[in-house]
C-alpha atoms as a PDB file:
ATOM      1  CA  MET A   1      74.366 -95.633 222.175  1.00  0.00           C
ATOM      2  CA  ALA A   2      73.738 -92.646 219.903  1.00  0.00           C
ATOM      3  CA  ALA A   3      74.128 -94.911 216.886  1.00  0.00           C
ATOM      4  CA  ALA A   4      71.927 -97.704 218.222  1.00  0.00           C
ATOM      5  CA  ILE A   5      69.148 -97.136 215.714  1.00  0.00           C
ATOM      6  CA  ILE A   6      71.562 -97.148 212.781  1.00  0.00           C
ATOM      7  CA  GLY A   7      72.968-100.587 213.569  1.00  0.00           C
ATOM      8  CA  ALA A   8      69.823-102.204 214.975  1.00  0.00           C
ATOM      9  CA  VAL A   9      68.471-105.209 213.038  1.00  0.00           C
ATOM     10  CA  GLY A  10      65.752-107.614 214.169  1.00  0.00           C
ATOM     11  CA  LEU A  11      65.438-106.092 217.635  1.00  0.00           C
ATOM     12  CA  LEU A  12      61.666-106.347 217.817  1.00  0.00           C
ATOM     13  CA  ALA A  13      61.807-110.095 218.394  1.00  0.00           C
ATOM     14  CA  SER A  14      64.207-109.892 221.318  1.00  0.00           C
ATOM     15  CA  HIS A  15      62.580-107.179 223.448  1.00  0.00           C
ATOM     16  CA  ALA A  16      59.457-106.966 225.550  1.00  0.00           C
ATOM     17  CA  ALA A  17      56.708-104.578 224.436  1.00  0.00           C
ATOM     18  CA  ALA A  18      57.706-101.794 226.854  1.00  0.00           C
ATOM     19  CA  GLU A  19      61.458-101.975 226.196  1.00  0.00           C
ATOM     20  CA  PRO A  20      63.229 -99.830 223.583  1.00  0.00           C
ATOM     21  CA  SER A  21      65.488-101.083 220.811  1.00  0.00           C
ATOM     22  CA  PHE A  22      68.636-100.548 222.889  1.00  0.00           C
ATOM     23  CA  ASP A  23      69.920-101.875 226.208  1.00  0.00           C
ATOM     24  CA  CYS A  24      68.694 -99.566 228.969  1.00  0.00           C
ATOM     25  CA  GLN A  25      71.464-100.778 231.271  1.00  0.00           C
ATOM     26  CA  LEU A  26      73.917 -99.036 228.954  1.00  0.00           C
ATOM     27  CA  ALA A  27      71.861 -95.845 228.530  1.00  0.00           C
ATOM     28  CA  GLU A  28      73.841 -92.730 229.457  1.00  0.00           C
ATOM     29  CA  LYS A  29      72.397 -89.795 227.514  1.00  0.00           C
ATOM     30  CA  PRO A  30      69.351 -87.871 228.845  1.00  0.00           C
ATOM     31  CA  ASP A  31      67.122 -88.814 225.893  1.00  0.00           C
ATOM     32  CA  GLU A  32      68.017 -92.503 226.202  1.00  0.00           C
ATOM     33  CA  ILE A  33      67.370 -92.482 229.952  1.00  0.00           C
ATOM     34  CA  ALA A  34      64.025 -90.732 229.369  1.00  0.00           C
ATOM     35  CA  ILE A  35      63.008 -93.378 226.818  1.00  0.00           C
ATOM     36  CA  CYS A  36      63.919 -96.159 229.235  1.00  0.00           C
ATOM     37  CA  SER A  37      61.816 -94.526 231.962  1.00  0.00           C
ATOM     38  CA  ASP A  38      58.620 -94.289 229.904  1.00  0.00           C
ATOM     39  CA  ASP A  39      56.694 -97.243 228.419  1.00  0.00           C
ATOM     40  CA  GLN A  40      55.167 -95.221 225.571  1.00  0.00           C
ATOM     41  CA  LEU A  41      58.488 -93.725 224.504  1.00  0.00           C
ATOM     42  CA  ALA A  42      60.003 -97.216 224.577  1.00  0.00           C
ATOM     43  CA  LYS A  43      57.240 -98.526 222.312  1.00  0.00           C
ATOM     44  CA  ASN A  44      57.705 -95.517 220.034  1.00  0.00           C
ATOM     45  CA  ASP A  45      61.411 -96.313 219.855  1.00  0.00           C
ATOM     46  CA  LEU A  46      60.606 -99.808 218.594  1.00  0.00           C
ATOM     47  CA  LEU A  47      58.330 -98.364 215.906  1.00  0.00           C
ATOM     48  CA  THR A  48      60.985 -95.844 214.900  1.00  0.00           C
ATOM     49  CA  THR A  49      63.708 -98.496 214.713  1.00  0.00           C
ATOM     50  CA  ASN A  50      61.489-100.821 212.702  1.00  0.00           C
ATOM     51  CA  ALA A  51      60.634 -97.975 210.319  1.00  0.00           C
ATOM     52  CA  PHE A  52      64.336 -97.279 209.891  1.00  0.00           C
ATOM     53  CA  ASN A  53      65.049-100.943 209.139  1.00  0.00           C
ATOM     54  CA  GLN A  54      62.309-100.986 206.496  1.00  0.00           C
ATOM     55  CA  ALA A  55      63.518 -97.754 204.904  1.00  0.00           C
ATOM     56  CA  LYS A  56      67.120 -98.989 204.935  1.00  0.00           C
ATOM     57  CA  GLN A  57      66.165-101.974 202.794  1.00  0.00           C
ATOM     58  CA  ILE A  58      64.803 -99.575 200.172  1.00  0.00           C
ATOM     59  CA  ASN A  59      67.295 -96.697 200.278  1.00  0.00           C
ATOM     60  CA  ARG A  60      70.165 -97.366 202.673  1.00  0.00           C
ATOM     61  CA  LYS A  61      72.020 -94.078 202.194  1.00  0.00           C
ATOM     62  CA  ARG A  62      69.007 -91.807 202.710  1.00  0.00           C
ATOM     63  CA  ALA A  63      67.677 -93.911 205.586  1.00  0.00           C
ATOM     64  CA  ILE A  64      70.973 -93.644 207.474  1.00  0.00           C
ATOM     65  CA  ALA A  65      71.160 -89.888 206.817  1.00  0.00           C
ATOM     66  CA  THR A  66      67.587 -89.482 208.085  1.00  0.00           C
ATOM     67  CA  ALA A  67      68.380 -91.575 211.171  1.00  0.00           C
ATOM     68  CA  LYS A  68      71.443 -89.472 211.984  1.00  0.00           C
ATOM     69  CA  THR A  69      69.374 -86.284 211.777  1.00  0.00           C
ATOM     70  CA  PHE A  70      66.653 -87.820 213.945  1.00  0.00           C
ATOM     71  CA  LEU A  71      69.155 -88.859 216.616  1.00  0.00           C
ATOM     72  CA  LYS A  72      70.575 -85.331 216.780  1.00  0.00           C
ATOM     73  CA  VAL A  73      67.094 -83.835 217.098  1.00  0.00           C
ATOM     74  CA  ARG A  74      66.152 -86.394 219.757  1.00  0.00           C
ATOM     75  CA  ALA A  75      69.363 -85.727 221.671  1.00  0.00           C
ATOM     76  CA  ALA A  76      68.564 -82.007 221.600  1.00  0.00           C
ATOM     77  CA  CYS A  77      65.336 -82.789 223.479  1.00  0.00           C
ATOM     78  CA  GLY A  78      67.304 -83.907 226.519  1.00  0.00           C
ATOM     79  CA  SER A  79      64.838 -85.446 228.971  1.00  0.00           C
ATOM     80  CA  ASP A  80      61.758 -83.612 227.591  1.00  0.00           C
ATOM     81  CA  LEU A  81      59.284 -86.476 227.052  1.00  0.00           C
ATOM     82  CA  ASP A  82      56.935 -84.578 224.750  1.00  0.00           C
ATOM     83  CA  CYS A  83      59.829 -83.328 222.632  1.00  0.00           C
ATOM     84  CA  ILE A  84      61.183 -86.869 222.269  1.00  0.00           C
ATOM     85  CA  ALA A  85      57.728 -88.190 221.329  1.00  0.00           C
ATOM     86  CA  ASN A  86      57.364 -85.511 218.647  1.00  0.00           C
ATOM     87  CA  ALA A  87      60.823 -86.336 217.273  1.00  0.00           C
ATOM     88  CA  GLN A  88      59.875 -90.024 217.114  1.00  0.00           C
ATOM     89  CA  THR A  89      56.625 -89.214 215.322  1.00  0.00           C
ATOM     90  CA  GLN A  90      58.447 -87.089 212.754  1.00  0.00           C
ATOM     91  CA  ALA A  91      61.104 -89.763 212.238  1.00  0.00           C
ATOM     92  CA  VAL A  92      58.503 -92.418 211.418  1.00  0.00           C
ATOM     93  CA  LEU A  93      56.904 -90.017 208.931  1.00  0.00           C
ATOM     94  CA  ASP A  94      60.307 -89.354 207.373  1.00  0.00           C
ATOM     95  CA  PHE A  95      61.061 -93.071 207.082  1.00  0.00           C
ATOM     96  CA  GLY A  96      57.593 -93.508 205.596  1.00  0.00           C
ATOM     97  CA  LEU A  97      58.567 -91.131 202.802  1.00  0.00           C
ATOM     98  CA  LEU A  98      61.408 -93.540 202.062  1.00  0.00           C
ATOM     99  CA  GLY A  99      59.021 -96.483 201.814  1.00  0.00           C
ATOM    100  CA  ALA A 100      58.496 -97.713 205.380  1.00  0.00           C
ATOM    101  CA  THR A 101      54.902 -98.626 206.255  1.00  0.00           C
ATOM    102  CA  LEU A 102      54.229 -98.263 209.952  1.00  0.00           C
ATOM    103  CA  PRO A 103      51.687 -96.473 212.159  1.00  0.00           C
ATOM    104  CA  THR A 104      52.748 -93.138 213.605  1.00  0.00           C
ATOM    105  CA  PRO A 105      54.016 -93.481 217.199  1.00  0.00           C
ATOM    106  CA  SER A 106      52.009 -91.797 219.912  1.00  0.00           C
ATOM    107  CA  ALA A 107      52.957 -88.203 220.716  1.00  0.00           C
ATOM    108  CA  GLN A 108      50.915 -88.399 223.919  1.00  0.00           C
ATOM    109  CA  ILE A 109      52.953 -89.571 226.891  1.00  0.00           C
ATOM    110  CA  ALA A 110      50.249 -91.182 229.021  1.00  0.00           C
ATOM    111  CA  GLU A 111      50.988 -94.770 230.020  1.00  0.00           C
ATOM    112  CA  THR A 112      53.674 -93.864 232.553  1.00  0.00           C
ATOM    113  CA  PRO A 113      52.883 -90.221 233.350  1.00  0.00           C
ATOM    114  CA  THR A 114      55.456 -87.985 234.919  1.00  0.00           C
ATOM    115  CA  PRO A 115      54.325 -85.148 237.195  1.00  0.00           C
ATOM    116  CA  ALA A 116      54.545 -82.771 234.214  1.00  0.00           C
ATOM    117  CA  SER A 117      52.522 -84.939 231.835  1.00  0.00           C
ATOM    118  CA  ALA A 118      50.063 -86.390 234.344  1.00  0.00           C
ATOM    119  CA  GLU A 119      47.958 -83.236 234.418  1.00  0.00           C
ATOM    120  CA  PRO A 120      44.561 -83.500 232.662  1.00  0.00           C
ATOM    121  CA  PRO A 121      44.191 -81.704 229.304  1.00  0.00           C
ATOM    122  CA  GLN A 122      43.295 -78.026 229.677  1.00  0.00           C
ATOM    123  CA  SER A 123      40.287 -76.972 227.601  1.00  0.00           C
ATOM    124  CA  ASN A 124      40.568 -73.732 225.649  1.00  0.00           C
ATOM    125  CA  PRO A 125      38.225 -71.114 227.187  1.00  0.00           C
ATOM    126  CA  TRP A 126      38.232 -69.237 223.867  1.00  0.00           C
ATOM    127  CA  PRO A 127      37.036 -71.711 221.203  1.00  0.00           C
ATOM    128  CA  ASP A 128      36.594 -69.025 218.536  1.00  0.00           C
ATOM    129  CA  ALA A 129      40.127 -67.644 218.918  1.00  0.00           C
ATOM    130  CA  PHE A 130      42.146 -67.235 215.736  1.00  0.00           C
ATOM    131  CA  SER A 131      44.878 -69.688 214.782  1.00  0.00           C
ATOM    132  CA  ARG A 132      48.159 -69.478 212.933  1.00  0.00           C
ATOM    133  CA  ARG A 133      48.343 -72.796 211.108  1.00  0.00           C
ATOM    134  CA  ASP A 134      47.911 -75.529 213.773  1.00  0.00           C
ATOM    135  CA  PHE A 135      48.576 -73.178 216.681  1.00  0.00           C
ATOM    136  CA  LYS A 136      45.425 -71.736 218.215  1.00  0.00           C
ATOM    137  CA  LEU A 137      45.466 -68.734 220.508  1.00  0.00           C
ATOM    138  CA  GLY A 138      44.575 -69.934 223.995  1.00  0.00           C
ATOM    139  CA  MET A 139      46.228 -73.336 223.637  1.00  0.00           C
ATOM    140  CA  THR A 140      48.507 -74.337 226.504  1.00  0.00           C
ATOM    141  CA  LEU A 141      52.270 -74.528 226.290  1.00  0.00           C
ATOM    142  CA  LYS A 142      52.085 -78.304 226.804  1.00  0.00           C
ATOM    143  CA  GLU A 143      49.675 -78.591 223.870  1.00  0.00           C
ATOM    144  CA  PHE A 144      51.964 -76.434 221.746  1.00  0.00           C
ATOM    145  CA  LYS A 145      54.941 -78.700 222.449  1.00  0.00           C
ATOM    146  CA  ARG A 146      52.940 -81.739 221.329  1.00  0.00           C
ATOM    147  CA  VAL A 147      51.944 -80.297 217.932  1.00  0.00           C
ATOM    148  CA  PRO A 148      54.210 -81.581 215.125  1.00  0.00           C
ATOM    149  CA  PHE A 149      55.858 -78.940 212.961  1.00  0.00           C
ATOM    150  CA  PRO A 150      53.261 -78.247 210.211  1.00  0.00           C
ATOM    151  CA  ASP A 151      55.756 -77.817 207.356  1.00  0.00           C
ATOM    152  CA  SER A 152      57.518 -81.167 207.539  1.00  0.00           C
ATOM    153  CA  ASP A 153      57.940 -81.088 203.755  1.00  0.00           C
ATOM    154  CA  LYS A 154      60.083 -77.944 204.095  1.00  0.00           C
ATOM    155  CA  SER A 155      61.930 -78.761 207.329  1.00  0.00           C
ATOM    156  CA  PRO A 156      61.323 -82.432 208.166  1.00  0.00           C
ATOM    157  CA  SER A 157      63.429 -82.334 211.326  1.00  0.00           C
ATOM    158  CA  ALA A 158      62.250 -78.988 212.729  1.00  0.00           C
ATOM    159  CA  PHE A 159      61.678 -78.807 216.473  1.00  0.00           C
ATOM    160  CA  SER A 160      60.570 -76.147 218.941  1.00  0.00           C
ATOM    161  CA  VAL A 161      62.685 -74.509 221.625  1.00  0.00           C
ATOM    162  CA  CYS A 162      61.279 -72.177 224.294  1.00  0.00           C
ATOM    163  CA  SER A 163      62.846 -69.499 226.467  1.00  0.00           C
ATOM    164  CA  ASN A 164      62.298 -71.548 229.638  1.00  0.00           C
ATOM    165  CA  GLU A 165      64.491 -74.356 228.269  1.00  0.00           C
ATOM    166  CA  PRO A 166      68.280 -74.355 228.798  1.00  0.00           C
ATOM    167  CA  LYS A 167      68.799 -74.964 225.066  1.00  0.00           C
ATOM    168  CA  SER A 168      67.475 -71.467 224.290  1.00  0.00           C
ATOM    169  CA  ARG A 169      70.777 -70.111 225.607  1.00  0.00           C
ATOM    170  CA  ASP A 170      72.847 -72.180 223.190  1.00  0.00           C
ATOM    171  CA  ALA A 171      74.348 -70.680 220.035  1.00  0.00           C
ATOM    172  CA  GLY A 172      71.869 -70.588 217.169  1.00  0.00           C
ATOM    173  CA  TYR A 173      68.726 -70.486 219.304  1.00  0.00           C
ATOM    174  CA  GLU A 174      68.659 -66.739 219.935  1.00  0.00           C
ATOM    175  CA  THR A 175      65.166 -66.400 218.407  1.00  0.00           C
ATOM    176  CA  ALA A 176      63.795 -68.373 221.375  1.00  0.00           C
ATOM    177  CA  MET A 177      65.294 -65.959 223.915  1.00  0.00           C
ATOM    178  CA  LEU A 178      63.245 -63.155 225.474  1.00  0.00           C
ATOM    179  CA  PHE A 179      66.044 -60.571 225.914  1.00  0.00           C
ATOM    180  CA  SER A 180      63.726 -58.762 228.355  1.00  0.00           C
ATOM    181  CA  ASP A 181      63.732 -58.847 232.148  1.00  0.00           C
ATOM    182  CA  VAL A 182      60.262 -57.293 232.076  1.00  0.00           C
ATOM    183  CA  LEU A 183      58.816 -60.160 230.044  1.00  0.00           C
ATOM    184  CA  GLU A 184      60.562 -62.757 232.182  1.00  0.00           C
ATOM    185  CA  THR A 185      59.241 -61.156 235.364  1.00  0.00           C
ATOM    186  CA  ALA A 186      55.740 -61.151 233.858  1.00  0.00           C
ATOM    187  CA  GLY A 187      56.021 -64.895 233.301  1.00  0.00           C
ATOM    188  CA  VAL A 188      56.136 -64.709 229.506  1.00  0.00           C
ATOM    189  CA  ILE A 189      57.610 -67.699 227.655  1.00  0.00           C
ATOM    190  CA  LYS A 190      58.697 -67.366 224.036  1.00  0.00           C
ATOM    191  CA  CYS A 191      59.010 -70.269 221.577  1.00  0.00           C
ATOM    192  CA  ALA A 192      60.236 -70.706 218.009  1.00  0.00           C
ATOM    193  CA  PHE A 193      61.058 -73.525 215.592  1.00  0.00           C
ATOM    194  CA  PHE A 194      64.552 -74.521 214.447  1.00  0.00           C
ATOM    195  CA  PHE A 195      66.317 -77.117 212.339  1.00  0.00           C
ATOM    196  CA  VAL A 196      69.886 -78.403 212.253  1.00  0.00           C
ATOM    197  CA  ASP A 197      71.732 -78.373 208.926  1.00  0.00           C
ATOM    198  CA  ASN A 198      74.267 -81.205 208.759  1.00  0.00           C
ATOM    199  CA  ILE A 199      75.528 -80.533 205.234  1.00  0.00           C
ATOM    200  CA  SER A 200      78.754 -78.937 206.446  1.00  0.00           C
ATOM    201  CA  SER A 201      81.281 -80.600 208.742  1.00  0.00           C
ATOM    202  CA  VAL A 202      79.962 -78.479 211.619  1.00  0.00           C
ATOM    203  CA  PRO A 203      76.172 -78.745 212.231  1.00  0.00           C
ATOM    204  CA  MET A 204      74.491 -75.340 212.005  1.00  0.00           C
ATOM    205  CA  VAL A 205      71.235 -74.273 213.679  1.00  0.00           C
ATOM    206  CA  PHE A 206      68.747 -72.197 211.662  1.00  0.00           C
ATOM    207  CA  ASP A 207      65.293 -70.731 212.289  1.00  0.00           C
ATOM    208  CA  ALA A 208      62.660 -72.924 210.656  1.00  0.00           C
ATOM    209  CA  GLY A 209      60.050 -70.178 210.443  1.00  0.00           C
ATOM    210  CA  LEU A 210      56.486 -71.209 209.584  1.00  0.00           C
ATOM    211  CA  GLY A 211      54.624 -71.259 206.296  1.00  0.00           C
ATOM    212  CA  LEU A 212      52.304 -68.321 205.607  1.00  0.00           C
ATOM    213  CA  ALA A 213      50.375 -68.960 202.393  1.00  0.00           C
ATOM    214  CA  ASP A 214      53.237 -70.305 200.248  1.00  0.00           C
ATOM    215  CA  THR A 215      56.221 -68.673 201.969  1.00  0.00           C
ATOM    216  CA  GLN A 216      58.261 -69.608 205.060  1.00  0.00           C
ATOM    217  CA  VAL A 217      58.420 -66.550 207.306  1.00  0.00           C
ATOM    218  CA  SER A 218      59.725 -65.728 210.767  1.00  0.00           C
ATOM    219  CA  THR A 219      57.190 -66.703 213.445  1.00  0.00           C
ATOM    220  CA  GLU A 220      57.475 -66.394 217.226  1.00  0.00           C
ATOM    221  CA  PHE A 221      55.035 -67.686 219.850  1.00  0.00           C
ATOM    222  CA  TYR A 222      54.457 -66.038 223.238  1.00  0.00           C
ATOM    223  CA  PHE A 223      52.760 -67.569 226.284  1.00  0.00           C
ATOM    224  CA  LEU A 224      51.405 -65.894 229.428  1.00  0.00           C
ATOM    225  CA  PRO A 225      49.941 -67.473 232.598  1.00  0.00           C
ATOM    226  CA  ASP A 226      46.142 -67.340 232.895  1.00  0.00           C
ATOM    227  CA  ASP A 227      44.216 -67.028 236.181  1.00  0.00           C
ATOM    228  CA  SER A 228      45.060 -70.658 236.959  1.00  0.00           C
ATOM    229  CA  SER A 229      48.779 -70.128 236.229  1.00  0.00           C
ATOM    230  CA  VAL A 230      48.479 -72.199 233.045  1.00  0.00           C
ATOM    231  CA  GLN A 231      50.773 -70.931 230.296  1.00  0.00           C
ATOM    232  CA  ARG A 232      48.592 -70.079 227.267  1.00  0.00           C
ATOM    233  CA  LEU A 233      49.430 -68.833 223.793  1.00  0.00           C
ATOM    234  CA  PHE A 234      48.402 -65.172 223.732  1.00  0.00           C
ATOM    235  CA  TRP A 235      50.565 -63.626 221.011  1.00  0.00           C
ATOM    236  CA  ILE A 236      51.934 -64.866 217.690  1.00  0.00           C
ATOM    237  CA  GLN A 237      54.355 -62.535 215.937  1.00  0.00           C
ATOM    238  CA  THR A 238      55.026 -63.039 212.218  1.00  0.00           C
ATOM    239  CA  SER A 239      57.184 -61.024 209.841  1.00  0.00           C
ATOM    240  CA  GLY A 240      58.300 -61.384 206.246  1.00  0.00           C
ATOM    241  CA  PRO A 241      59.039 -59.438 203.057  1.00  0.00           C
ATOM    242  CA  ALA A 242      56.900 -56.282 202.897  1.00  0.00           C
ATOM    243  CA  GLU A 243      55.990 -57.003 199.287  1.00  0.00           C
ATOM    244  CA  MET A 244      53.982 -60.007 200.537  1.00  0.00           C
ATOM    245  CA  ALA A 245      51.506 -57.808 202.419  1.00  0.00           C
ATOM    246  CA  GLY A 246      49.460 -56.810 199.384  1.00  0.00           C
ATOM    247  CA  ALA A 247      49.050 -60.423 198.303  1.00  0.00           C
ATOM    248  CA  LEU A 248      48.151 -61.533 201.835  1.00  0.00           C
ATOM    249  CA  VAL A 249      45.140 -59.221 202.176  1.00  0.00           C
ATOM    250  CA  PRO A 250      42.813 -60.996 199.683  1.00  0.00           C
ATOM    251  CA  ILE A 251      43.929 -64.412 200.976  1.00  0.00           C
ATOM    252  CA  MET A 252      43.225 -63.457 204.580  1.00  0.00           C
ATOM    253  CA  THR A 253      39.941 -61.821 203.559  1.00  0.00           C
ATOM    254  CA  LYS A 254      38.857 -65.127 202.051  1.00  0.00           C
ATOM    255  CA  ALA A 255      39.689 -66.839 205.346  1.00  0.00           C
ATOM    256  CA  TYR A 256      38.396 -64.273 207.856  1.00  0.00           C
ATOM    257  CA  GLY A 257      36.068 -61.909 205.988  1.00  0.00           C
ATOM    258  CA  GLU A 258      36.438 -58.219 205.243  1.00  0.00           C
ATOM    259  CA  PRO A 259      38.927 -56.447 207.521  1.00  0.00           C
ATOM    260  CA  ALA A 260      38.825 -52.997 209.028  1.00  0.00           C
ATOM    261  CA  HIS A 261      41.317 -50.790 207.187  1.00  0.00           C
ATOM    262  CA  ARG A 262      43.153 -47.654 208.195  1.00  0.00           C
ATOM    263  CA  VAL A 263      46.270 -45.807 207.070  1.00  0.00           C
ATOM    264  CA  GLU A 264      49.004 -44.797 209.505  1.00  0.00           C
ATOM    265  CA  THR A 265      52.144 -42.763 208.927  1.00  0.00           C
ATOM    266  CA  TRP A 266      55.315 -44.831 209.030  1.00  0.00           C
ATOM    267  CA  GLN A 267      58.561 -42.889 209.517  1.00  0.00           C
ATOM    268  CA  ASN A 268      62.087 -44.198 209.060  1.00  0.00           C
ATOM    269  CA  GLN A 269      65.178 -43.162 210.999  1.00  0.00           C
ATOM    270  CA  VAL A 270      66.087 -40.372 208.598  1.00  0.00           C
ATOM    271  CA  GLY A 271      62.645 -38.764 208.712  1.00  0.00           C
ATOM    272  CA  GLY A 272      61.124 -40.238 205.559  1.00  0.00           C
ATOM    273  CA  LYS A 273      57.369 -40.735 205.876  1.00  0.00           C
ATOM    274  CA  PHE A 274      55.220 -43.339 204.145  1.00  0.00           C
ATOM    275  CA  ASP A 275      51.571 -44.398 204.203  1.00  0.00           C
ATOM    276  CA  ASN A 276      51.297 -47.661 206.115  1.00  0.00           C
ATOM    277  CA  ASP A 277      48.189 -49.757 205.410  1.00  0.00           C
ATOM    278  CA  VAL A 278      46.867 -51.535 208.500  1.00  0.00           C
ATOM    279  CA  TYR A 279      44.260 -54.313 208.282  1.00  0.00           C
ATOM    280  CA  THR A 280      42.440 -55.748 211.292  1.00  0.00           C
ATOM    281  CA  TRP A 281      40.265 -58.837 211.723  1.00  0.00           C
ATOM    282  CA  ASP A 282      38.630 -59.512 215.076  1.00  0.00           C
ATOM    283  CA  ASN A 283      36.130 -61.719 216.851  1.00  0.00           C
ATOM    284  CA  SER A 284      34.847 -62.027 220.415  1.00  0.00           C
ATOM    285  CA  SER A 285      38.164 -63.235 221.843  1.00  0.00           C
ATOM    286  CA  SER A 286      41.036 -62.392 219.506  1.00  0.00           C
ATOM    287  CA  GLU A 287      42.456 -60.095 216.856  1.00  0.00           C
ATOM    288  CA  ILE A 288      44.678 -60.284 213.784  1.00  0.00           C
ATOM    289  CA  ASN A 289      46.590 -57.163 212.819  1.00  0.00           C
ATOM    290  CA  LEU A 290      48.510 -56.860 209.529  1.00  0.00           C
ATOM    291  CA  LYS A 291      50.762 -53.883 208.847  1.00  0.00           C
ATOM    292  CA  HIS A 292      52.368 -53.376 205.447  1.00  0.00           C
ATOM    293  CA  PHE A 293      55.464 -51.966 207.137  1.00  0.00           C
ATOM    294  CA  GLY A 294      56.675 -53.352 210.458  1.00  0.00           C
ATOM    295  CA  ASP A 295      59.910 -52.520 212.267  1.00  0.00           C
ATOM    296  CA  LYS A 296      61.499 -51.891 208.871  1.00  0.00           C
ATOM    297  CA  ILE A 297      60.065 -50.692 205.581  1.00  0.00           C
ATOM    298  CA  THR A 298      61.219 -53.954 204.022  1.00  0.00           C
ATOM    299  CA  VAL A 299      59.289 -56.156 206.474  1.00  0.00           C
ATOM    300  CA  PHE A 300      55.554 -56.620 207.109  1.00  0.00           C
ATOM    301  CA  ASN A 301      54.182 -57.173 210.611  1.00  0.00           C
ATOM    302  CA  LEU A 302      51.456 -59.755 211.320  1.00  0.00           C
ATOM    303  CA  ARG A 303      50.239 -60.100 214.902  1.00  0.00           C
ATOM    304  CA  HIS A 304      47.714 -62.556 216.349  1.00  0.00           C
ATOM    305  CA  THR A 305      46.592 -61.678 219.899  1.00  0.00           C
ATOM    306  CA  LEU A 306      44.222 -63.197 222.452  1.00  0.00           C
ATOM    307  CA  ASN A 307      42.290 -60.244 223.862  1.00  0.00           C
ATOM    308  CA  PRO A 308      41.928 -61.209 227.567  1.00  0.00           C
ATOM    309  CA  LEU A 309      45.597 -62.087 228.036  1.00  0.00           C
ATOM    310  CA  TRP A 310      46.794 -59.288 225.760  1.00  0.00           C
ATOM    311  CA  GLN A 311      44.931 -56.837 227.992  1.00  0.00           C
ATOM    312  CA  ARG A 312      46.593 -58.403 231.032  1.00  0.00           C
ATOM    313  CA  PHE A 313      49.953 -58.066 229.275  1.00  0.00           C
ATOM    314  CA  ASP A 314      49.230 -54.376 228.618  1.00  0.00           C
ATOM    315  CA  GLN A 315      48.449 -53.899 232.307  1.00  0.00           C
ATOM    316  CA  ILE A 316      51.729 -55.553 233.278  1.00  0.00           C
ATOM    317  CA  LEU A 317      53.672 -53.260 230.941  1.00  0.00           C
ATOM    318  CA  ASP A 318      51.772 -50.210 232.195  1.00  0.00           C
ATOM    319  CA  GLN A 319      52.576 -51.120 235.803  1.00  0.00           C
ATOM    320  CA  HIS A 320      56.233 -51.539 234.894  1.00  0.00           C
ATOM    321  CA  ASN A 321      56.282 -48.137 233.180  1.00  0.00           C
ATOM    322  CA  THR A 322      54.636 -46.573 236.235  1.00  0.00           C
ATOM    323  CA  GLU A 323      57.348 -47.965 238.502  1.00  0.00           C
ATOM    324  CA  ALA A 324      60.088 -47.024 236.037  1.00  0.00           C
ATOM    325  CA  ALA A 325      58.770 -43.454 235.879  1.00  0.00           C
ATOM    326  CA  LYS A 326      59.471 -43.108 239.600  1.00  0.00           C
ATOM    327  CA  LYS A 327      63.163 -43.667 238.939  1.00  0.00           C
ATOM    328  CA  LEU A 328      63.662 -40.850 236.440  1.00  0.00           C
END
């Protein structure tokens, strides 16, 4: 059934509105079973298949290549309804670039809610919090998973993977892993974006990064439970070539106003010392911190933090250090 969309022709006329473009009685894979279990995903599947059929009439080779990539991304979602919906949305957009004219399928799974998706939307208690592209500090993990990858022109098939998903332990998805028992115990969840390169005979997984000004740079998203145990975005970690830092300052000043500026001493492993410019923008709920030199002298460090949850995170780390100090 993985190739159903590639060979499907004229299926819209033979299926009911809430049935997908393939025979659910033959569905075996987790993504196919998930689509068959949800009316909205089934409708999205019809839109996606129809978009493919339109695009195939215009550019058969590229349409089939796009469909193959989409099916791999969708399969990687497993039974995650929101992930599948986002993959369907992106696929229709991709087929639209090839000439298909269809509305974007719904990324909101609502008509047949599962226990995970039936919860009402969580409002953001910090409306003035800073954002990194379309990802606002304070947004919930569920909201994050529903946001399409902003740089679809750079990585049209990019998708998110988080540390609480089994896929994060697969080869190629190391950026989504926490590598910290302390963070896991604190309830932190880490997410990042990836894409699959199918140019070689063996598909390869790469970090998609996220555009910062005009450059794709490494970006990681961290979530922490609030007082209601809702996972909220409290920390966005970005890094890129250190030479970008100087150019970023005037751009960020235009967006956020004049920053506070200080100079720290940055020391490398062999004792060399350098002046490290640090710029800070803040508001009532959040902070942006840009350091010319981050972990390495070749890499800048950009950190977005949500103050209330960042303070809670600091308290968790302090408590851990207190307990660890007893074991010296």
